[in-house]
Amino acid sequence: MEIQENINQKLINSFSPVYLEVENESNMHNVPPGSESHFKVVVVSEQFEGKSLIQRHRLINQSLSEELQNHIHALAIHAYTNNEWGEREFKEMKSPPCHGGGK
């Protein structure tokens, strides 16, 4: 859980989120048990106010650049403002099952 913990801490430090979910979805893919290679993050932060979706993703990618360069194979990013998160009724969709790699 080292990579997941690093992701969690970096996102807290970078965005002071009002809500943060870091989910290791590696088990949904054809990787060895215990892998930390596929993640989904849900980040709700005031820092996303006035920023486009691509700008939000770039900020998150920048915050996690070391992990993306060396450890993470896939990262699903869901970045919301406080208002957007409230409009979603504080719920995030589940990721679909993997269609490749034998799973």
C-alpha atoms as a PDB file:
ATOM      1  CA  MET A   1       0.000   0.000   0.000  1.00  0.00           C
ATOM      2  CA  GLU A   2       3.015   2.268  -0.218  1.00  0.00           C
ATOM      3  CA  ILE A   3       2.118   3.791  -3.601  1.00  0.00           C
ATOM      4  CA  GLN A   4      -1.515   4.309  -2.623  1.00  0.00           C
ATOM      5  CA  GLU A   5      -0.445   6.033   0.584  1.00  0.00           C
ATOM      6  CA  ASN A   6       1.985   8.267  -1.351  1.00  0.00           C
ATOM      7  CA  ILE A   7      -0.778   9.247  -3.782  1.00  0.00           C
ATOM      8  CA  ASN A   8      -3.122  10.009  -0.910  1.00  0.00           C
ATOM      9  CA  GLN A   9      -0.579  12.177   0.919  1.00  0.00           C
ATOM     10  CA  LYS A  10       0.528  14.085  -2.175  1.00  0.00           C
ATOM     11  CA  LEU A  11      -3.060  14.911  -3.129  1.00  0.00           C
ATOM     12  CA  ILE A  12      -3.807  16.084   0.417  1.00  0.00           C
ATOM     13  CA  ASN A  13      -0.693  18.272   0.420  1.00  0.00           C
ATOM     14  CA  SER A  14      -1.356  19.686  -3.044  1.00  0.00           C
ATOM     15  CA  PHE A  15      -5.108  20.300  -2.954  1.00  0.00           C
ATOM     16  CA  SER A  16      -6.351  20.316   0.655  1.00  0.00           C
ATOM     17  CA  PRO A  17      -9.399  18.402  -0.576  1.00  0.00           C
ATOM     18  CA  VAL A  18     -12.762  18.472   1.160  1.00  0.00           C
ATOM     19  CA  TYR A  19     -13.184  14.923  -0.118  1.00  0.00           C
ATOM     20  CA  LEU A  20     -10.537  12.494  -1.343  1.00  0.00           C
ATOM     21  CA  GLU A  21     -10.806   8.895  -2.435  1.00  0.00           C
ATOM     22  CA  VAL A  22      -7.808   6.946  -3.694  1.00  0.00           C
ATOM     23  CA  GLU A  23      -8.815   3.493  -4.872  1.00  0.00           C
ATOM     24  CA  ASN A  24      -6.381   0.817  -5.999  1.00  0.00           C
ATOM     25  CA  GLU A  25      -8.156  -0.829  -8.941  1.00  0.00           C
ATOM     26  CA  SER A  26      -5.257  -3.101  -9.873  1.00  0.00           C
ATOM     27  CA  ASN A  27      -7.249  -6.182  -8.863  1.00  0.00           C
ATOM     28  CA  MET A  28      -9.587  -5.442 -11.799  1.00  0.00           C
ATOM     29  CA  HIS A  29      -6.696  -5.957 -14.240  1.00  0.00           C
ATOM     30  CA  ASN A  30      -4.369  -8.741 -15.288  1.00  0.00           C
ATOM     31  CA  VAL A  31      -1.581  -7.972 -12.830  1.00  0.00           C
ATOM     32  CA  PRO A  32      -0.045  -9.974  -9.973  1.00  0.00           C
ATOM     33  CA  PRO A  33      -1.957  -9.968  -6.672  1.00  0.00           C
ATOM     34  CA  GLY A  34      -1.016  -7.050  -4.443  1.00  0.00           C
ATOM     35  CA  SER A  35      -0.032  -4.830  -7.379  1.00  0.00           C
ATOM     36  CA  GLU A  36      -0.339  -1.054  -7.153  1.00  0.00           C
ATOM     37  CA  SER A  37      -0.474  -0.064 -10.809  1.00  0.00           C
ATOM     38  CA  HIS A  38      -4.051   1.048 -11.568  1.00  0.00           C
ATOM     39  CA  PHE A  39      -5.735   3.761  -9.506  1.00  0.00           C
ATOM     40  CA  LYS A  40      -8.828   5.908  -9.440  1.00  0.00           C
ATOM     41  CA  VAL A  41      -8.787   9.220  -7.589  1.00  0.00           C
ATOM     42  CA  VAL A  42     -11.735  11.406  -6.671  1.00  0.00           C
ATOM     43  CA  VAL A  43     -10.556  14.846  -5.584  1.00  0.00           C
ATOM     44  CA  VAL A  44     -12.912  17.612  -4.476  1.00  0.00           C
ATOM     45  CA  SER A  45     -11.126  20.902  -3.934  1.00  0.00           C
ATOM     46  CA  GLU A  46     -11.749  24.629  -3.988  1.00  0.00           C
ATOM     47  CA  GLN A  47      -8.541  24.880  -6.032  1.00  0.00           C
ATOM     48  CA  PHE A  48     -10.464  23.587  -9.058  1.00  0.00           C
ATOM     49  CA  GLU A  49     -12.799  26.604  -9.127  1.00  0.00           C
ATOM     50  CA  GLY A  50     -12.549  28.348 -12.499  1.00  0.00           C
ATOM     51  CA  LYS A  51     -10.356  25.606 -13.992  1.00  0.00           C
ATOM     52  CA  SER A  52     -11.299  23.438 -16.946  1.00  0.00           C
ATOM     53  CA  LEU A  53     -11.320  19.665 -16.679  1.00  0.00           C
ATOM     54  CA  ILE A  54      -8.023  19.408 -18.554  1.00  0.00           C
ATOM     55  CA  GLN A  55      -6.418  21.977 -16.234  1.00  0.00           C
ATOM     56  CA  ARG A  56      -7.564  19.968 -13.206  1.00  0.00           C
ATOM     57  CA  HIS A  57      -6.171  16.753 -14.669  1.00  0.00           C
ATOM     58  CA  ARG A  58      -2.868  18.446 -15.447  1.00  0.00           C
ATOM     59  CA  LEU A  59      -2.600  19.703 -11.868  1.00  0.00           C
ATOM     60  CA  ILE A  60      -3.202  16.214 -10.500  1.00  0.00           C
ATOM     61  CA  ASN A  61      -0.797  14.649 -13.003  1.00  0.00           C
ATOM     62  CA  GLN A  62       1.826  17.212 -12.008  1.00  0.00           C
ATOM     63  CA  SER A  63       1.315  16.440  -8.326  1.00  0.00           C
ATOM     64  CA  LEU A  64       1.749  12.713  -9.013  1.00  0.00           C
ATOM     65  CA  SER A  65       4.459  13.004 -11.684  1.00  0.00           C
ATOM     66  CA  GLU A  66       6.950  10.734  -9.897  1.00  0.00           C
ATOM     67  CA  GLU A  67       4.373   7.986  -9.365  1.00  0.00           C
ATOM     68  CA  LEU A  68       3.109   8.269 -12.955  1.00  0.00           C
ATOM     69  CA  GLN A  69       6.641   8.097 -14.304  1.00  0.00           C
ATOM     70  CA  ASN A  70       7.755   5.136 -12.201  1.00  0.00           C
ATOM     71  CA  HIS A  71       4.853   3.149 -10.756  1.00  0.00           C
ATOM     72  CA  ILE A  72       1.362   3.863 -12.072  1.00  0.00           C
ATOM     73  CA  HIS A  73       0.197   2.252 -15.294  1.00  0.00           C
ATOM     74  CA  ALA A  74      -3.278   3.830 -15.299  1.00  0.00           C
ATOM     75  CA  LEU A  75      -4.900   6.678 -13.397  1.00  0.00           C
ATOM     76  CA  ALA A  76      -8.598   7.546 -13.590  1.00  0.00           C
ATOM     77  CA  ILE A  77      -9.099  11.123 -12.422  1.00  0.00           C
ATOM     78  CA  HIS A  78     -12.371  12.590 -11.180  1.00  0.00           C
ATOM     79  CA  ALA A  79     -11.787  16.201 -10.098  1.00  0.00           C
ATOM     80  CA  TYR A  80     -14.651  18.362  -8.829  1.00  0.00           C
ATOM     81  CA  THR A  81     -15.319  21.686  -7.209  1.00  0.00           C
ATOM     82  CA  ASN A  82     -17.373  21.662  -4.008  1.00  0.00           C
ATOM     83  CA  ASN A  83     -20.510  22.702  -5.928  1.00  0.00           C
ATOM     84  CA  GLU A  84     -20.043  20.048  -8.622  1.00  0.00           C
ATOM     85  CA  TRP A  85     -19.554  17.379  -5.978  1.00  0.00           C
ATOM     86  CA  GLY A  86     -22.761  18.458  -4.236  1.00  0.00           C
ATOM     87  CA  GLU A  87     -24.646  18.315  -7.544  1.00  0.00           C
ATOM     88  CA  ARG A  88     -23.470  14.703  -7.919  1.00  0.00           C
ATOM     89  CA  GLU A  89     -25.045  14.078  -4.515  1.00  0.00           C
ATOM     90  CA  PHE A  90     -21.608  13.201  -3.148  1.00  0.00           C
ATOM     91  CA  LYS A  91     -21.397  10.015  -5.239  1.00  0.00           C
ATOM     92  CA  GLU A  92     -18.855   8.782  -7.725  1.00  0.00           C
ATOM     93  CA  MET A  93     -19.415   6.175 -10.408  1.00  0.00           C
ATOM     94  CA  LYS A  94     -17.595   2.863 -10.223  1.00  0.00           C
ATOM     95  CA  SER A  95     -15.033   2.077 -12.882  1.00  0.00           C
ATOM     96  CA  PRO A  96     -16.037  -0.478 -15.511  1.00  0.00           C
ATOM     97  CA  PRO A  97     -14.375  -3.884 -15.527  1.00  0.00           C
ATOM     98  CA  CYS A  98     -11.181  -4.277 -17.516  1.00  0.00           C
ATOM     99  CA  HIS A  99     -11.748  -5.605 -21.045  1.00  0.00           C
ATOM    100  CA  GLY A 100      -8.175  -6.529 -21.797  1.00  0.00           C
ATOM    101  CA  GLY A 101      -5.306  -8.514 -20.453  1.00  0.00           C
ATOM    102  CA  GLY A 102      -7.215 -11.702 -19.699  1.00  0.00           C
ATOM    103  CA  LYS A 103      -9.500 -10.468 -16.910  1.00  0.00           C
END
